[in-house]
Amino acid sequence: MYIHYMVRTQIYLDDAVHARLHELAVRQGRTMSDLIREAIARVFGESNLERRLNTLGAADGLWLDRDDLDDADVYVRRLRHDTRRSRKR
């Protein structure tokens, strides 16, 4: 996903910072690059695209476990039925 929106760059880290990043990356199962990108986004802000993708990711499956909602097909049919009645008037 990132490859089309990323620009490759290089940074120098002292040994202590590098060791902490490496340890955290291993513990979280992430890459050091991912941790650095996240830290930069927190300090300097995210782009609009990143913000939208994060919002979509957070909303994904939001209503998945709800049992008080109809099936999506039933819901859409009901909406279409309601609009059909209003158009016939």
N, C-alpha and C. Protein backbone atom coordinates (compact mmCIF):
# COMPACT_ATOMS: atom_id res chain seq x y z
N MET A 1 0.83 -1.18 0.00
CA MET A 1 0.00 0.00 0.00
C MET A 1 0.87 1.25 0.00
N TYR A 2 1.92 1.30 0.76
CA TYR A 2 2.74 2.50 0.89
C TYR A 2 3.59 2.78 -0.34
N ILE A 3 3.97 1.78 -1.08
CA ILE A 3 5.00 1.92 -2.09
C ILE A 3 4.70 3.03 -3.10
N HIS A 4 3.43 3.28 -3.39
CA HIS A 4 3.09 4.28 -4.39
C HIS A 4 3.07 5.70 -3.83
N TYR A 5 3.06 5.82 -2.52
CA TYR A 5 2.95 7.14 -1.91
C TYR A 5 4.20 7.51 -1.11
N MET A 6 5.20 6.67 -1.11
CA MET A 6 6.37 6.88 -0.27
C MET A 6 7.57 7.36 -1.08
N VAL A 7 8.40 8.13 -0.42
CA VAL A 7 9.68 8.55 -0.95
C VAL A 7 10.73 7.96 -0.04
N ARG A 8 11.68 7.28 -0.61
CA ARG A 8 12.72 6.64 0.20
C ARG A 8 13.69 7.69 0.70
N THR A 9 14.04 7.58 1.98
CA THR A 9 15.00 8.50 2.57
C THR A 9 15.88 7.74 3.55
N GLN A 10 16.90 8.38 4.02
CA GLN A 10 17.84 7.73 4.91
C GLN A 10 18.05 8.63 6.13
N ILE A 11 18.11 8.03 7.33
CA ILE A 11 18.38 8.81 8.54
C ILE A 11 19.49 8.12 9.33
N TYR A 12 20.15 8.89 10.15
CA TYR A 12 21.17 8.35 11.03
C TYR A 12 20.63 8.35 12.45
N LEU A 13 20.75 7.23 13.14
CA LEU A 13 20.31 7.10 14.53
C LEU A 13 21.50 6.70 15.39
N ASP A 14 21.50 7.18 16.63
CA ASP A 14 22.56 6.71 17.51
C ASP A 14 22.24 5.28 17.95
N ASP A 15 23.20 4.60 18.50
CA ASP A 15 23.05 3.18 18.84
C ASP A 15 21.90 2.93 19.80
N ALA A 16 21.73 3.80 20.78
CA ALA A 16 20.68 3.60 21.79
C ALA A 16 19.29 3.70 21.17
N VAL A 17 19.06 4.70 20.34
CA VAL A 17 17.76 4.88 19.68
C VAL A 17 17.50 3.71 18.73
N HIS A 18 18.51 3.33 17.99
CA HIS A 18 18.37 2.20 17.07
C HIS A 18 18.00 0.93 17.82
N ALA A 19 18.66 0.69 18.94
CA ALA A 19 18.37 -0.52 19.74
C ALA A 19 16.95 -0.49 20.28
N ARG A 20 16.50 0.67 20.77
CA ARG A 20 15.12 0.77 21.28
C ARG A 20 14.11 0.55 20.17
N LEU A 21 14.35 1.16 19.03
CA LEU A 21 13.43 0.97 17.90
C LEU A 21 13.38 -0.49 17.46
N HIS A 22 14.54 -1.11 17.37
CA HIS A 22 14.61 -2.51 16.96
C HIS A 22 13.86 -3.40 17.95
N GLU A 23 14.06 -3.18 19.23
CA GLU A 23 13.38 -3.98 20.27
C GLU A 23 11.87 -3.80 20.19
N LEU A 24 11.44 -2.57 20.04
CA LEU A 24 10.00 -2.29 19.94
C LEU A 24 9.40 -2.91 18.69
N ALA A 25 10.11 -2.81 17.59
CA ALA A 25 9.62 -3.38 16.33
C ALA A 25 9.45 -4.89 16.45
N VAL A 26 10.42 -5.56 17.06
CA VAL A 26 10.34 -7.01 17.23
C VAL A 26 9.16 -7.35 18.14
N ARG A 27 9.04 -6.62 19.25
CA ARG A 27 7.97 -6.89 20.22
C ARG A 27 6.59 -6.69 19.61
N GLN A 28 6.44 -5.69 18.76
CA GLN A 28 5.14 -5.39 18.16
C GLN A 28 4.92 -6.08 16.82
N GLY A 29 5.94 -6.75 16.32
CA GLY A 29 5.79 -7.41 15.02
C GLY A 29 5.66 -6.42 13.88
N ARG A 30 6.34 -5.29 13.99
CA ARG A 30 6.29 -4.24 12.97
C ARG A 30 7.70 -3.97 12.48
N THR A 31 7.81 -3.14 11.48
CA THR A 31 9.13 -2.76 10.99
C THR A 31 9.56 -1.47 11.69
N MET A 32 10.85 -1.25 11.72
CA MET A 32 11.36 0.00 12.27
C MET A 32 10.86 1.18 11.43
N SER A 33 10.80 1.00 10.14
CA SER A 33 10.30 2.06 9.25
C SER A 33 8.88 2.45 9.61
N ASP A 34 8.06 1.46 9.90
CA ASP A 34 6.67 1.73 10.26
C ASP A 34 6.60 2.53 11.56
N LEU A 35 7.41 2.18 12.53
CA LEU A 35 7.45 2.91 13.80
C LEU A 35 7.90 4.35 13.58
N ILE A 36 8.90 4.54 12.75
CA ILE A 36 9.41 5.89 12.47
C ILE A 36 8.34 6.72 11.75
N ARG A 37 7.65 6.12 10.76
CA ARG A 37 6.58 6.84 10.04
C ARG A 37 5.47 7.25 11.02
N GLU A 38 5.10 6.33 11.91
CA GLU A 38 4.06 6.64 12.89
C GLU A 38 4.48 7.79 13.80
N ALA A 39 5.73 7.77 14.27
CA ALA A 39 6.22 8.84 15.14
C ALA A 39 6.22 10.18 14.42
N ILE A 40 6.64 10.18 13.17
CA ILE A 40 6.67 11.42 12.39
C ILE A 40 5.25 11.94 12.17
N ALA A 41 4.31 11.05 11.88
CA ALA A 41 2.92 11.45 11.68
C ALA A 41 2.34 12.04 12.96
N ARG A 42 2.71 11.48 14.11
CA ARG A 42 2.21 12.03 15.39
C ARG A 42 2.76 13.43 15.64
N VAL A 43 4.00 13.65 15.30
CA VAL A 43 4.61 14.94 15.58
C VAL A 43 4.21 15.99 14.54
N PHE A 44 4.24 15.63 13.27
CA PHE A 44 4.02 16.60 12.20
C PHE A 44 2.64 16.51 11.57
N GLY A 45 1.84 15.55 11.96
CA GLY A 45 0.50 15.40 11.43
C GLY A 45 0.48 14.48 10.22
N GLU A 46 -0.70 13.93 9.99
CA GLU A 46 -0.88 13.01 8.87
C GLU A 46 -1.41 13.77 7.66
N SER A 47 -1.20 13.19 6.50
CA SER A 47 -1.80 13.77 5.29
C SER A 47 -3.29 13.45 5.29
N ASN A 48 -4.03 14.14 4.46
CA ASN A 48 -5.47 13.88 4.36
C ASN A 48 -5.74 12.44 3.94
N LEU A 49 -4.93 11.92 3.03
CA LEU A 49 -5.13 10.54 2.58
C LEU A 49 -4.93 9.58 3.74
N GLU A 50 -3.87 9.76 4.50
CA GLU A 50 -3.63 8.87 5.63
C GLU A 50 -4.75 8.97 6.65
N ARG A 51 -5.22 10.16 6.91
CA ARG A 51 -6.31 10.35 7.87
C ARG A 51 -7.57 9.64 7.40
N ARG A 52 -7.87 9.76 6.11
CA ARG A 52 -9.06 9.07 5.59
C ARG A 52 -8.91 7.56 5.66
N LEU A 53 -7.73 7.05 5.30
CA LEU A 53 -7.51 5.61 5.37
C LEU A 53 -7.58 5.10 6.80
N ASN A 54 -7.04 5.85 7.73
CA ASN A 54 -7.12 5.46 9.14
C ASN A 54 -8.56 5.47 9.63
N THR A 55 -9.33 6.47 9.22
CA THR A 55 -10.74 6.53 9.61
C THR A 55 -11.51 5.35 9.04
N LEU A 56 -11.28 5.05 7.77
CA LEU A 56 -11.93 3.90 7.16
C LEU A 56 -11.54 2.60 7.85
N GLY A 57 -10.26 2.47 8.17
CA GLY A 57 -9.80 1.27 8.86
C GLY A 57 -10.43 1.12 10.23
N ALA A 58 -10.62 2.23 10.93
CA ALA A 58 -11.23 2.19 12.26
C ALA A 58 -12.71 1.84 12.17
N ALA A 59 -13.36 2.25 11.08
CA ALA A 59 -14.79 1.99 10.93
C ALA A 59 -15.08 0.60 10.35
N ASP A 60 -14.08 -0.04 9.80
CA ASP A 60 -14.26 -1.35 9.19
C ASP A 60 -14.79 -2.35 10.20
N GLY A 61 -15.95 -2.93 9.90
CA GLY A 61 -16.54 -3.94 10.77
C GLY A 61 -17.18 -3.40 12.02
N LEU A 62 -17.43 -2.10 12.05
CA LEU A 62 -17.97 -1.45 13.24
C LEU A 62 -19.29 -2.08 13.69
N TRP A 63 -20.13 -2.44 12.76
CA TRP A 63 -21.43 -3.00 13.11
C TRP A 63 -21.47 -4.51 12.91
N LEU A 64 -20.33 -5.12 12.79
CA LEU A 64 -20.25 -6.53 12.47
C LEU A 64 -21.01 -7.42 13.45
N ASP A 65 -20.91 -7.16 14.74
CA ASP A 65 -21.51 -8.03 15.75
C ASP A 65 -22.90 -7.59 16.18
N ARG A 66 -23.47 -6.62 15.50
CA ARG A 66 -24.81 -6.17 15.89
C ARG A 66 -25.84 -7.15 15.37
N ASP A 67 -26.76 -7.55 16.24
CA ASP A 67 -27.81 -8.48 15.83
C ASP A 67 -29.16 -7.78 15.71
N ASP A 68 -29.21 -6.48 15.97
CA ASP A 68 -30.46 -5.74 15.88
C ASP A 68 -30.67 -5.12 14.51
N LEU A 69 -29.75 -5.36 13.59
CA LEU A 69 -29.85 -4.80 12.24
C LEU A 69 -30.21 -5.90 11.25
N ASP A 70 -30.98 -5.51 10.24
CA ASP A 70 -31.31 -6.46 9.18
C ASP A 70 -30.08 -6.77 8.34
N ASP A 71 -30.21 -7.82 7.57
CA ASP A 71 -29.21 -8.15 6.56
C ASP A 71 -29.13 -6.98 5.58
N ALA A 72 -27.98 -6.73 5.02
CA ALA A 72 -27.79 -5.60 4.10
C ALA A 72 -28.75 -5.66 2.92
N ASP A 73 -28.98 -6.85 2.38
CA ASP A 73 -29.90 -6.97 1.24
C ASP A 73 -31.32 -6.58 1.64
N VAL A 74 -31.75 -7.01 2.81
CA VAL A 74 -33.09 -6.67 3.30
C VAL A 74 -33.19 -5.16 3.50
N TYR A 75 -32.16 -4.57 4.07
CA TYR A 75 -32.14 -3.12 4.31
C TYR A 75 -32.26 -2.34 3.00
N VAL A 76 -31.48 -2.74 2.01
CA VAL A 76 -31.50 -2.04 0.72
C VAL A 76 -32.86 -2.21 0.05
N ARG A 77 -33.42 -3.41 0.10
CA ARG A 77 -34.76 -3.62 -0.50
C ARG A 77 -35.80 -2.74 0.18
N ARG A 78 -35.71 -2.63 1.52
CA ARG A 78 -36.66 -1.80 2.24
C ARG A 78 -36.51 -0.33 1.83
N LEU A 79 -35.27 0.14 1.69
CA LEU A 79 -35.06 1.52 1.25
C LEU A 79 -35.62 1.74 -0.15
N ARG A 80 -35.37 0.81 -1.04
CA ARG A 80 -35.88 0.95 -2.40
C ARG A 80 -37.40 0.92 -2.42
N HIS A 81 -37.98 0.06 -1.61
CA HIS A 81 -39.43 -0.03 -1.54
C HIS A 81 -40.02 1.29 -1.05
N ASP A 82 -39.42 1.89 -0.03
CA ASP A 82 -39.91 3.17 0.50
C ASP A 82 -39.81 4.27 -0.54
N THR A 83 -38.75 4.32 -1.30
CA THR A 83 -38.63 5.38 -2.31
C THR A 83 -39.57 5.13 -3.48
N ARG A 84 -39.85 3.87 -3.76
CA ARG A 84 -40.76 3.54 -4.85
C ARG A 84 -42.15 4.08 -4.53
N ARG A 85 -42.56 3.94 -3.26
CA ARG A 85 -43.88 4.45 -2.86
C ARG A 85 -43.96 5.96 -3.01
N SER A 86 -42.90 6.67 -2.63
CA SER A 86 -42.94 8.12 -2.71
C SER A 86 -42.90 8.62 -4.14
N ARG A 87 -42.30 7.84 -5.05
CA ARG A 87 -42.25 8.26 -6.45
C ARG A 87 -43.58 8.06 -7.15
N LYS A 88 -44.44 7.15 -6.68
CA LYS A 88 -45.72 6.88 -7.34
C LYS A 88 -46.75 7.94 -7.02
N ARG A 89 -46.52 8.75 -5.99
CA ARG A 89 -47.52 9.77 -5.60
C ARG A 89 -47.58 10.91 -6.55
